[in-house]
Protein backbone atom coordinates (compact mmCIF):
# COMPACT_ATOMS: atom_id res chain seq x y z
CA MET A 1 0.00 0.00 0.00
CA MET A 2 2.92 2.34 0.65
CA HIS A 3 4.58 1.38 -2.63
CA ALA A 4 1.37 2.29 -4.50
CA GLU A 5 1.21 5.54 -2.44
CA ILE A 6 -2.21 4.68 -1.03
CA ILE A 7 -0.58 5.32 2.32
CA PRO A 8 -0.40 8.30 2.98
CA THR A 9 -2.32 9.72 -0.04
CA VAL A 10 -5.66 7.99 0.65
CA ILE A 11 -5.38 6.83 4.25
CA ASP A 12 -2.92 7.35 7.08
CA ASP A 13 -0.64 4.45 7.94
CA PHE A 14 -2.41 1.79 10.01
CA GLN A 15 -1.83 -1.80 11.12
CA PRO A 16 -4.52 -3.98 9.51
CA SER A 17 -6.12 -6.38 11.95
CA LEU A 18 -8.09 -8.12 9.19
CA ALA A 19 -7.39 -9.09 5.59
CA LEU A 20 -10.06 -8.16 3.03
CA ASP A 21 -11.02 -10.52 0.21
CA VAL A 22 -12.93 -8.88 -2.66
CA GLU A 23 -14.37 -11.17 -5.35
CA TRP A 24 -16.46 -10.75 -8.47
CA ASP A 25 -17.71 -13.65 -10.61
CA LYS A 26 -14.56 -13.73 -12.73
CA ALA A 27 -12.06 -11.58 -10.84
CA GLU A 28 -10.65 -10.77 -7.43
CA ALA A 29 -8.71 -7.84 -6.02
CA SER A 30 -5.28 -8.87 -4.82
CA LEU A 31 -3.34 -5.91 -3.36
CA GLY A 32 -2.42 -4.21 -6.59
CA ASN A 33 -3.29 -6.58 -9.40
CA THR A 34 -4.73 -5.17 -12.63
CA LEU A 35 -8.33 -6.06 -13.50
CA LYS A 36 -10.36 -5.46 -16.64
CA VAL A 37 -13.09 -2.87 -16.18
CA LYS A 38 -15.71 -5.19 -17.69
CA LYS A 39 -15.06 -7.78 -14.94
CA VAL A 40 -15.77 -5.39 -12.04
CA GLN A 41 -19.11 -3.93 -13.13
CA ASP A 42 -21.22 -5.68 -10.48
CA GLN A 43 -20.89 -5.19 -6.73
CA PRO A 44 -18.40 -7.76 -5.42
CA ASP A 45 -18.64 -10.13 -2.46
CA PHE A 46 -16.59 -9.38 0.65
CA SER A 47 -15.05 -11.50 3.37
CA LEU A 48 -12.58 -10.77 6.13
CA ARG A 49 -9.87 -12.98 7.65
CA PRO A 50 -7.50 -12.43 10.56
CA GLY A 51 -4.63 -10.17 9.52
CA HIS A 52 -1.25 -9.40 11.04
CA ALA A 53 -2.48 -7.81 14.27
CA ASP A 54 -4.91 -9.07 16.92
CA ALA A 55 -8.28 -9.48 15.19
CA SER A 56 -10.27 -10.92 18.08
CA SER A 57 -11.88 -7.59 19.00
CA HIS A 58 -13.40 -7.40 15.49
CA CYS A 59 -14.79 -10.95 15.42
CA ARG A 60 -18.00 -10.24 17.31
CA SER A 61 -21.22 -11.07 15.49
CA ASN A 62 -22.69 -7.67 16.44
CA MET A 63 -19.76 -5.60 15.12
CA THR A 64 -20.83 -3.28 12.29
CA PHE A 65 -18.36 -3.09 9.43
CA VAL A 66 -18.24 -0.25 6.92
CA ILE A 67 -16.82 -0.89 3.44
CA THR A 68 -15.77 1.88 1.07
CA LEU A 69 -14.36 2.06 -2.45
CA THR A 70 -12.54 5.18 -3.58
CA ASP A 71 -10.59 6.28 -6.66
CA PRO A 72 -7.81 8.74 -5.80
CA ASP A 73 -6.87 9.06 -9.50
CA ALA A 74 -9.92 10.79 -10.96
CA PRO A 75 -9.79 11.77 -13.74
CA SER A 76 -6.12 10.66 -13.88
CA ARG A 77 -3.21 10.09 -11.53
CA ASP A 78 -1.37 13.02 -13.15
CA ASP A 79 -4.40 15.31 -12.79
CA PRO A 80 -6.48 14.15 -9.78
CA LYS A 81 -8.75 17.22 -9.73
CA TRP A 82 -11.83 15.05 -9.10
CA ALA A 83 -10.12 12.99 -6.41
CA GLU A 84 -11.17 11.27 -4.48
CA MET A 85 -14.11 9.78 -6.34
CA CYS A 86 -16.45 7.83 -4.05
CA HIS A 87 -17.50 4.57 -5.70
CA PHE A 88 -19.17 2.79 -2.80
CA ILE A 89 -20.06 2.98 0.90
CA ALA A 90 -22.01 0.26 2.70
CA ALA A 91 -22.41 -0.95 6.26
CA GLY A 92 -23.50 -4.25 7.72
CA LEU A 93 -23.14 -7.06 10.18
CA PRO A 94 -21.31 -10.34 9.54
CA LEU A 95 -23.36 -13.06 7.82
CA SER A 96 -21.33 -15.75 9.51
CA PRO A 97 -20.82 -14.89 13.17
CA SER A 98 -17.38 -15.94 14.30
CA ASP A 99 -16.42 -17.08 17.71
CA SER A 100 -13.51 -15.04 19.00
CA ASP A 101 -11.39 -18.17 19.54
CA SER A 102 -11.49 -19.20 15.88
CA CYS A 103 -12.22 -16.04 13.88
CA SER A 104 -11.26 -17.79 10.66
CA GLU A 105 -13.53 -15.91 8.25
CA ILE A 106 -16.18 -13.22 8.42
CA ARG A 107 -18.49 -13.09 5.41
CA LEU A 108 -20.27 -9.79 4.85
CA GLY A 109 -23.57 -9.53 3.05
CA GLY A 110 -26.92 -7.80 3.25
CA LEU A 111 -25.02 -4.56 3.31
CA GLU A 112 -26.95 -1.32 3.61
CA ASP A 113 -25.84 1.07 0.87
CA ILE A 114 -24.90 4.56 1.97
CA MET A 115 -23.63 5.28 -1.57
CA PRO A 116 -24.61 2.57 -4.08
CA TYR A 117 -21.84 0.77 -5.96
CA LYS A 118 -20.62 2.77 -8.95
CA ALA A 119 -18.51 0.51 -11.12
CA PRO A 120 -14.99 1.64 -12.03
CA GLY A 121 -14.94 3.48 -15.35
CA PRO A 122 -11.66 5.29 -15.89
CA PRO A 123 -11.85 7.76 -18.80
CA PRO A 124 -9.86 7.10 -22.01
CA LYS A 125 -6.17 8.06 -22.03
CA THR A 126 -5.93 8.50 -18.24
CA GLY A 127 -3.68 5.53 -17.45
CA LYS A 128 -4.18 3.10 -14.61
CA HIS A 129 -6.40 4.11 -11.72
CA ARG A 130 -6.05 2.75 -8.18
CA TYR A 131 -9.36 1.49 -6.79
CA VAL A 132 -9.03 1.23 -3.02
CA PHE A 133 -11.33 -0.77 -0.74
CA LEU A 134 -11.15 0.09 2.95
CA VAL A 135 -13.00 -1.55 5.84
CA PHE A 136 -13.71 0.41 8.98
CA VAL A 137 -15.19 -0.24 12.42
CA PRO A 138 -16.50 2.28 14.94
CA ARG A 139 -13.58 3.91 16.72
CA ASN A 140 -15.41 3.64 20.07
CA GLY A 141 -16.19 -0.09 19.57
CA THR A 142 -19.95 0.39 19.79
CA ALA A 143 -22.28 -2.33 18.57
CA ASP A 144 -25.10 0.20 18.28
CA ARG A 145 -26.55 1.08 14.87
CA LEU A 146 -24.35 3.58 13.09
CA HIS A 147 -25.75 6.80 11.69
CA LEU A 148 -23.30 7.44 8.88
CA SER A 149 -23.35 10.62 6.85
CA LYS A 150 -23.88 10.40 3.12
CA PRO A 151 -21.27 12.38 1.19
CA ALA A 152 -22.70 15.43 -0.52
CA ASP A 153 -21.06 14.44 -3.79
CA ARG A 154 -19.11 11.47 -5.17
CA GLN A 155 -16.31 13.81 -6.25
CA HIS A 156 -14.11 14.73 -3.30
CA TRP A 157 -16.62 12.94 -1.05
CA GLY A 158 -18.08 16.38 -0.37
CA PHE A 159 -14.96 17.77 1.30
CA GLY A 160 -13.22 19.68 -1.50
CA GLU A 161 -10.37 18.83 -3.83
CA GLY A 162 -7.89 16.26 -2.55
CA HIS A 163 -10.12 14.93 0.22
CA GLY A 164 -12.23 11.85 0.53
CA VAL A 165 -12.44 8.65 2.51
CA ARG A 166 -10.00 9.73 5.26
CA ASP A 167 -12.07 12.83 6.07
CA TRP A 168 -15.37 10.97 5.78
CA ALA A 169 -14.21 8.18 8.12
CA ASP A 170 -12.91 10.71 10.64
CA GLU A 171 -16.20 12.65 10.54
CA ASN A 172 -18.09 9.40 11.22
CA GLY A 173 -15.83 8.14 14.02
CA LEU A 174 -14.47 5.18 12.06
CA TRP A 175 -11.14 3.37 12.28
CA PRO A 176 -9.54 1.37 9.41
CA VAL A 177 -9.05 -2.37 10.00
CA ALA A 178 -8.53 -3.78 6.48
CA ALA A 179 -7.73 -2.75 2.92
CA ASN A 180 -7.32 -4.09 -0.58
CA PHE A 181 -6.91 -2.46 -3.97
CA PHE A 182 -6.58 -3.09 -7.67
CA TYR A 183 -5.66 -1.18 -10.80
CA ALA A 184 -7.92 -0.67 -13.82
CA LYS A 185 -7.62 1.36 -16.99
CA ASN A 186 -9.69 2.23 -20.01
CA LYS A 187 -8.91 0.18 -23.13
CA LYS A 188 -8.17 3.41 -25.02
CA GLN A 189 -4.78 4.65 -23.88
């Protein structure tokens, strides 16, 4: 994530406690692989696994997870005047409650859209875009229903040029626990 400059451009450095798996029918995000735009048009499936740090505090069946997708390279990495572009925000509880002793996998489904999934669609001749998924939990550890704000606009997430998911998460009291990303580009380069 540092090599791709997602840290610190998109999110501050953090120690992931969970690993995020993102899968479409014929593709999966794998920390910087390149995917064809046509393969990521539908909302993917998400699951979480224990990461490098202690994940047990995030393995409760009543923990609300928030998933986001952002593009910091809109309209291009050389000219990110629309960055960050919000592509998705959803919140939900685990489908498969894990017991804190095993915590082998947490499947997420039945997510409540805050911002519906907008498929990646980089414009022609703008090079590769980074599409960054981040998973957050409430900073205060609450299991209560979250009242998340909806960004005023997909561009800049409503915070002005050069701002996005970091500001939105901070405003909503959220803490990052997992991430994944992929690259995609328009066929016309």
